[in-house]
Amino acid sequence: MASAKPVLLSGGNPQIAKGNGDAPVQAYIAAMPGWKSDVGRRLDALITRTVPNVRKAVKWNSPLYGTEDQTWFLGLHCFAKHIKLAFFRGTC
């Protein structure tokens, strides 16, 4: 049985179940429509390479990246014509 494609919410944001770890983030990135998926893969690779022991999760239909002390520093969100990068504290 093939798994169904995730529903795209308003503006093309994938509806991915809340979860911790790399798997839900990769599911979100794979479901990003069009060119956004490639940009999502590049951003994820850059963050993973740059931030040692980065924590990942999907909450509120957005991938989040954080540190071991459970501080989220970056979130992604798809819109119709762009991807929003939200830096929660301005620095890491």
C-alpha atoms as a PDB file:
ATOM      1  CA  MET A   1       0.000   0.000   0.000  1.00  0.00           C
ATOM      2  CA  ALA A   2       1.482   3.339  -1.077  1.00  0.00           C
ATOM      3  CA  SER A   3       1.418   6.149   1.443  1.00  0.00           C
ATOM      4  CA  ALA A   4      -0.694   9.156   0.566  1.00  0.00           C
ATOM      5  CA  LYS A   5       1.002  12.442  -0.241  1.00  0.00           C
ATOM      6  CA  PRO A   6       0.734  15.011   2.547  1.00  0.00           C
ATOM      7  CA  VAL A   7      -1.987  17.603   2.218  1.00  0.00           C
ATOM      8  CA  LEU A   8      -0.756  21.049   1.208  1.00  0.00           C
ATOM      9  CA  LEU A   9      -2.264  23.730   3.409  1.00  0.00           C
ATOM     10  CA  SER A  10      -2.810  27.367   2.545  1.00  0.00           C
ATOM     11  CA  GLY A  11       0.017  28.701   0.394  1.00  0.00           C
ATOM     12  CA  GLY A  12       1.471  25.241  -0.239  1.00  0.00           C
ATOM     13  CA  ASN A  13       2.680  24.504   3.300  1.00  0.00           C
ATOM     14  CA  PRO A  14       2.828  20.696   3.818  1.00  0.00           C
ATOM     15  CA  GLN A  15       0.701  19.271   6.628  1.00  0.00           C
ATOM     16  CA  ILE A  16       3.109  16.941   8.430  1.00  0.00           C
ATOM     17  CA  ALA A  17       2.371  15.264  11.755  1.00  0.00           C
ATOM     18  CA  LYS A  18       4.127  16.767  14.749  1.00  0.00           C
ATOM     19  CA  GLY A  19       7.249  14.817  15.679  1.00  0.00           C
ATOM     20  CA  ASN A  20      10.820  14.958  16.937  1.00  0.00           C
ATOM     21  CA  GLY A  21      13.937  13.996  15.020  1.00  0.00           C
ATOM     22  CA  ASP A  22      15.148  14.007  11.451  1.00  0.00           C
ATOM     23  CA  ALA A  23      12.378  11.807   9.940  1.00  0.00           C
ATOM     24  CA  PRO A  24       9.473  14.288  10.221  1.00  0.00           C
ATOM     25  CA  VAL A  25      11.720  17.127   8.996  1.00  0.00           C
ATOM     26  CA  GLN A  26      12.740  15.068   5.956  1.00  0.00           C
ATOM     27  CA  ALA A  27       9.063  14.207   5.311  1.00  0.00           C
ATOM     28  CA  TYR A  28       8.222  17.924   5.386  1.00  0.00           C
ATOM     29  CA  ILE A  29      11.084  18.773   3.020  1.00  0.00           C
ATOM     30  CA  ALA A  30      10.079  15.993   0.601  1.00  0.00           C
ATOM     31  CA  ALA A  31       6.496  17.329   0.572  1.00  0.00           C
ATOM     32  CA  MET A  32       7.493  20.945  -0.114  1.00  0.00           C
ATOM     33  CA  PRO A  33       6.083  21.779  -3.575  1.00  0.00           C
ATOM     34  CA  GLY A  34       8.251  22.519  -6.624  1.00  0.00           C
ATOM     35  CA  TRP A  35      11.550  24.324  -6.216  1.00  0.00           C
ATOM     36  CA  LYS A  36      10.994  24.707  -2.478  1.00  0.00           C
ATOM     37  CA  SER A  37      11.930  21.070  -1.796  1.00  0.00           C
ATOM     38  CA  ASP A  38      15.397  21.575  -3.290  1.00  0.00           C
ATOM     39  CA  VAL A  39      15.896  24.743  -1.248  1.00  0.00           C
ATOM     40  CA  GLY A  40      14.676  22.905   1.864  1.00  0.00           C
ATOM     41  CA  ARG A  41      17.216  20.098   1.296  1.00  0.00           C
ATOM     42  CA  ARG A  42      20.009  22.634   0.868  1.00  0.00           C
ATOM     43  CA  LEU A  43      19.038  24.549   3.997  1.00  0.00           C
ATOM     44  CA  ASP A  44      18.752  21.334   6.024  1.00  0.00           C
ATOM     45  CA  ALA A  45      22.196  20.167   4.849  1.00  0.00           C
ATOM     46  CA  LEU A  46      23.734  23.572   5.646  1.00  0.00           C
ATOM     47  CA  ILE A  47      22.216  23.671   9.131  1.00  0.00           C
ATOM     48  CA  THR A  48      23.163  20.047   9.869  1.00  0.00           C
ATOM     49  CA  ARG A  49      26.737  20.652   8.706  1.00  0.00           C
ATOM     50  CA  THR A  50      27.118  23.954  10.563  1.00  0.00           C
ATOM     51  CA  VAL A  51      25.419  23.310  13.918  1.00  0.00           C
ATOM     52  CA  PRO A  52      26.935  20.406  15.896  1.00  0.00           C
ATOM     53  CA  ASN A  53      24.300  18.035  17.346  1.00  0.00           C
ATOM     54  CA  VAL A  54      21.404  20.081  15.946  1.00  0.00           C
ATOM     55  CA  ARG A  55      17.984  18.953  17.180  1.00  0.00           C
ATOM     56  CA  LYS A  56      15.141  18.758  14.673  1.00  0.00           C
ATOM     57  CA  ALA A  57      11.375  18.595  14.997  1.00  0.00           C
ATOM     58  CA  VAL A  58       8.182  19.457  13.160  1.00  0.00           C
ATOM     59  CA  LYS A  59       5.726  21.529  15.178  1.00  0.00           C
ATOM     60  CA  TRP A  60       2.927  23.789  13.962  1.00  0.00           C
ATOM     61  CA  ASN A  61       3.492  22.394  10.417  1.00  0.00           C
ATOM     62  CA  SER A  62       6.995  23.858  10.334  1.00  0.00           C
ATOM     63  CA  PRO A  63      10.428  22.245  10.696  1.00  0.00           C
ATOM     64  CA  LEU A  64      12.331  23.583  13.692  1.00  0.00           C
ATOM     65  CA  TYR A  65      16.061  23.436  14.407  1.00  0.00           C
ATOM     66  CA  GLY A  66      17.471  23.754  17.888  1.00  0.00           C
ATOM     67  CA  THR A  67      20.259  23.128  20.328  1.00  0.00           C
ATOM     68  CA  GLU A  68      20.657  20.443  22.953  1.00  0.00           C
ATOM     69  CA  ASP A  69      19.265  22.722  25.670  1.00  0.00           C
ATOM     70  CA  GLN A  70      15.932  22.648  23.787  1.00  0.00           C
ATOM     71  CA  THR A  71      16.204  26.187  22.482  1.00  0.00           C
ATOM     72  CA  TRP A  72      14.776  26.479  18.970  1.00  0.00           C
ATOM     73  CA  PHE A  73      16.734  28.955  16.859  1.00  0.00           C
ATOM     74  CA  LEU A  74      15.235  28.533  13.372  1.00  0.00           C
ATOM     75  CA  GLY A  75      11.959  27.555  11.772  1.00  0.00           C
ATOM     76  CA  LEU A  76      10.971  27.103   8.110  1.00  0.00           C
ATOM     77  CA  HIS A  77       7.544  27.680   6.604  1.00  0.00           C
ATOM     78  CA  CYS A  78       6.311  27.421   2.994  1.00  0.00           C
ATOM     79  CA  PHE A  79       4.217  30.084   1.357  1.00  0.00           C
ATOM     80  CA  ALA A  80       2.897  30.276  -2.210  1.00  0.00           C
ATOM     81  CA  LYS A  81       5.915  32.082  -3.648  1.00  0.00           C
ATOM     82  CA  HIS A  82       8.581  31.939  -0.930  1.00  0.00           C
ATOM     83  CA  ILE A  83      10.000  30.123   2.087  1.00  0.00           C
ATOM     84  CA  LYS A  84      10.075  31.971   5.391  1.00  0.00           C
ATOM     85  CA  LEU A  85      13.126  31.524   7.634  1.00  0.00           C
ATOM     86  CA  ALA A  86      12.295  32.613  11.177  1.00  0.00           C
ATOM     87  CA  PHE A  87      15.294  33.200  13.438  1.00  0.00           C
ATOM     88  CA  PHE A  88      13.750  33.172  16.905  1.00  0.00           C
ATOM     89  CA  ARG A  89      16.461  35.039  18.812  1.00  0.00           C
ATOM     90  CA  GLY A  90      18.344  36.685  15.968  1.00  0.00           C
ATOM     91  CA  THR A  91      21.518  34.696  16.692  1.00  0.00           C
ATOM     92  CA  CYS A  92      22.500  31.175  17.633  1.00  0.00           C
END
